[in-house]
């Protein structure tokens, strides 16, 4: 029998015990108990292991991804319903996975903003320099230091355009009704 880094059955039992403790605390009008340390350790192990998967390993902001995943698991911990599922490992893994994707999207937007700002500042500098020497100046193309920057900006803007066009597409009956 193989040993896994998270014992799903034990994790499930700890969560059931915690849920019953929460019910008892609510009935006694006491403060809700803390999430057990074992659950926190399991969530942390799941996040760290998931961050080492090939689709996440090369990001420089892996620590932020892990933090977001753990934070989301704690936020949505009470939504786990033992009556519906006996697999808390899968529940937490999915929460962490989507937290990672959201962090990647945030970082891409941030990178796009940085690159676009850099591009615009170079354009502005070029315009000022041309204006100082020539009264009939025209905006010219920028020679960017890095073709990767230009490629990143174009790819990001293409992605935004395709998402917008998908949102604007008519669906269902609306496709057939002409105004």
Protein backbone atom coordinates (compact mmCIF):
# COMPACT_ATOMS: atom_id res chain seq x y z
CA UNK A 1 0.00 0.00 0.00
CA UNK A 2 1.34 3.43 -0.95
CA UNK A 3 1.64 6.21 1.59
CA UNK A 4 0.24 9.59 0.57
CA UNK A 5 1.39 12.89 1.96
CA UNK A 6 -2.16 13.67 3.16
CA UNK A 7 -4.28 10.96 4.79
CA UNK A 8 -7.66 11.76 3.28
CA UNK A 9 -9.61 9.52 5.68
CA UNK A 10 -8.01 11.05 8.76
CA UNK A 11 -8.51 14.55 7.36
CA UNK A 12 -12.18 13.76 6.78
CA UNK A 13 -12.56 12.48 10.36
CA UNK A 14 -10.90 15.60 11.78
CA UNK A 15 -13.22 17.82 9.75
CA UNK A 16 -16.30 15.89 10.95
CA UNK A 17 -15.10 16.27 14.56
CA UNK A 18 -14.53 19.98 14.01
CA UNK A 19 -18.00 20.43 12.48
CA UNK A 20 -19.58 18.72 15.50
CA UNK A 21 -17.52 20.94 17.82
CA UNK A 22 -18.83 23.99 15.93
CA UNK A 23 -22.41 22.80 16.36
CA UNK A 24 -21.83 22.22 20.09
CA UNK A 25 -20.29 25.69 20.45
CA UNK A 26 -23.22 27.29 18.64
CA UNK A 27 -25.72 25.51 20.88
CA UNK A 28 -23.80 26.56 23.99
CA UNK A 29 -23.53 30.11 22.55
CA UNK A 30 -19.75 29.96 22.74
CA UNK A 31 -17.16 31.21 20.31
CA UNK A 32 -16.55 29.05 17.25
CA UNK A 33 -13.45 26.85 17.73
CA UNK A 34 -10.29 27.30 15.68
CA UNK A 35 -9.68 25.11 12.68
CA UNK A 36 -7.50 22.19 13.83
CA UNK A 37 -3.77 22.43 13.20
CA UNK A 38 -3.84 19.13 11.32
CA UNK A 39 -6.23 20.61 8.76
CA UNK A 40 -3.97 23.65 8.36
CA UNK A 41 -0.92 21.44 7.88
CA UNK A 42 -2.75 19.38 5.26
CA UNK A 43 -3.87 22.49 3.38
CA UNK A 44 -0.31 23.81 3.43
CA UNK A 45 1.09 20.50 2.16
CA UNK A 46 -1.50 20.36 -0.64
CA UNK A 47 -0.67 23.93 -1.71
CA UNK A 48 3.08 23.34 -1.64
CA UNK A 49 2.85 20.08 -3.55
CA UNK A 50 0.50 21.57 -6.15
CA UNK A 51 2.90 24.47 -6.67
CA UNK A 52 5.58 21.96 -7.72
CA UNK A 53 3.47 20.60 -10.57
CA UNK A 54 4.88 21.35 -14.05
CA UNK A 55 2.21 23.95 -14.84
CA UNK A 56 3.10 26.06 -11.77
CA UNK A 57 6.77 25.33 -10.97
CA UNK A 58 8.40 28.07 -13.09
CA UNK A 59 6.52 31.06 -11.74
CA UNK A 60 8.56 33.48 -9.66
CA UNK A 61 5.55 34.29 -7.49
CA UNK A 62 4.91 30.75 -6.26
CA UNK A 63 4.92 31.87 -2.62
CA UNK A 64 2.09 34.30 -3.37
CA UNK A 65 0.22 31.51 -5.14
CA UNK A 66 0.56 29.26 -2.10
CA UNK A 67 -0.57 32.05 0.21
CA UNK A 68 -3.62 32.74 -1.93
CA UNK A 69 -4.49 29.05 -2.01
CA UNK A 70 -4.23 28.65 1.76
CA UNK A 71 -6.22 31.83 2.34
CA UNK A 72 -9.00 30.67 0.02
CA UNK A 73 -9.12 27.25 1.70
CA UNK A 74 -9.54 28.87 5.10
CA UNK A 75 -12.17 31.25 3.71
CA UNK A 76 -14.21 28.43 2.16
CA UNK A 77 -13.50 25.81 4.82
CA UNK A 78 -17.01 26.03 6.28
CA UNK A 79 -18.51 25.36 2.85
CA UNK A 80 -17.18 21.79 2.86
CA UNK A 81 -20.18 19.57 3.49
CA UNK A 82 -19.28 16.07 4.76
CA UNK A 83 -22.77 14.91 3.79
CA UNK A 84 -22.06 15.65 0.12
CA UNK A 85 -18.46 14.51 -0.14
CA UNK A 86 -16.00 12.32 1.73
CA UNK A 87 -13.02 13.73 -0.13
CA UNK A 88 -11.72 16.93 1.50
CA UNK A 89 -8.38 16.48 -0.28
CA UNK A 90 -10.06 17.00 -3.66
CA UNK A 91 -12.09 19.92 -2.31
CA UNK A 92 -9.04 21.79 -1.04
CA UNK A 93 -6.95 20.89 -4.09
CA UNK A 94 -9.55 22.41 -6.38
CA UNK A 95 -9.78 25.59 -4.32
CA UNK A 96 -5.99 25.94 -4.37
CA UNK A 97 -5.78 25.19 -8.09
CA UNK A 98 -8.20 27.98 -8.96
CA UNK A 99 -6.48 30.34 -6.51
CA UNK A 100 -3.25 29.67 -8.41
CA UNK A 101 -4.94 30.47 -11.72
CA UNK A 102 -6.36 33.72 -10.34
CA UNK A 103 -2.90 34.74 -9.06
CA UNK A 104 -1.35 34.00 -12.46
CA UNK A 105 -4.00 36.16 -14.12
CA UNK A 106 -3.38 38.99 -11.63
CA UNK A 107 0.35 38.83 -12.24
CA UNK A 108 -0.12 38.82 -16.01
CA UNK A 109 -2.31 41.91 -15.78
CA UNK A 110 0.31 43.56 -13.60
CA UNK A 111 3.08 42.63 -16.05
CA UNK A 112 1.00 43.95 -18.94
CA UNK A 113 0.51 47.25 -17.10
CA UNK A 114 4.26 47.53 -16.47
CA UNK A 115 5.13 46.78 -20.09
CA UNK A 116 2.48 49.13 -21.44
CA UNK A 117 3.67 51.91 -19.13
CA UNK A 118 7.23 51.30 -20.30
CA UNK A 119 6.12 51.42 -23.94
CA UNK A 120 4.16 54.63 -23.41
CA UNK A 121 7.00 56.33 -21.54
CA UNK A 122 9.40 55.52 -24.35
CA UNK A 123 6.90 56.90 -26.86
CA UNK A 124 6.51 60.07 -24.81
CA UNK A 125 10.29 60.50 -24.48
CA UNK A 126 10.68 60.00 -28.22
CA UNK A 127 8.01 62.62 -28.94
CA UNK A 128 9.69 65.15 -26.63
CA UNK A 129 13.10 64.58 -28.19
CA UNK A 130 11.73 64.95 -31.71
CA UNK A 131 9.78 68.06 -30.76
CA UNK A 132 12.91 69.70 -29.38
CA UNK A 133 14.84 69.24 -32.63
CA UNK A 134 12.13 69.37 -35.29
CA UNK A 135 9.03 71.53 -35.52
CA UNK A 136 7.36 69.06 -37.93
CA UNK A 137 7.75 66.02 -35.71
CA UNK A 138 5.79 62.82 -36.17
CA UNK A 139 5.33 59.89 -33.85
CA UNK A 140 7.55 57.04 -34.97
CA UNK A 141 7.65 53.41 -33.99
CA UNK A 142 9.55 52.60 -30.87
CA UNK A 143 12.56 50.35 -30.98
CA UNK A 144 11.85 48.38 -27.84
CA UNK A 145 14.78 46.91 -25.99
CA UNK A 146 13.10 43.57 -25.92
CA UNK A 147 11.02 41.89 -28.58
CA UNK A 148 9.58 39.81 -25.75
CA UNK A 149 7.94 42.91 -24.30
CA UNK A 150 6.23 43.69 -27.60
CA UNK A 151 5.18 40.08 -28.03
CA UNK A 152 3.79 39.97 -24.49
CA UNK A 153 1.78 43.18 -24.99
CA UNK A 154 0.38 41.97 -28.32
CA UNK A 155 -0.52 38.53 -26.96
CA UNK A 156 -2.23 40.01 -23.90
CA UNK A 157 -4.20 42.51 -25.99
CA UNK A 158 -5.22 39.76 -28.43
CA UNK A 159 -6.48 37.70 -25.50
CA UNK A 160 -8.51 40.66 -24.27
CA UNK A 161 -9.98 41.23 -27.74
CA UNK A 162 -10.98 37.59 -28.13
CA UNK A 163 -12.64 37.58 -24.68
CA UNK A 164 -14.57 40.74 -25.55
CA UNK A 165 -15.71 39.32 -28.88
CA UNK A 166 -16.93 36.14 -27.18
CA UNK A 167 -18.96 38.25 -24.74
CA UNK A 168 -20.51 40.24 -27.58
CA UNK A 169 -21.55 37.19 -29.61
CA UNK A 170 -25.27 36.67 -29.78
CA UNK A 171 -26.60 33.44 -28.38
CA UNK A 172 -29.75 31.38 -28.84
CA UNK A 173 -32.73 33.17 -30.36
CA UNK A 174 -30.81 36.45 -30.48
CA UNK A 175 -28.72 35.04 -33.35
CA UNK A 176 -31.78 34.76 -35.57
CA UNK A 177 -33.49 38.03 -34.74
CA UNK A 178 -32.29 40.91 -36.91
CA UNK A 179 -33.06 44.46 -35.92
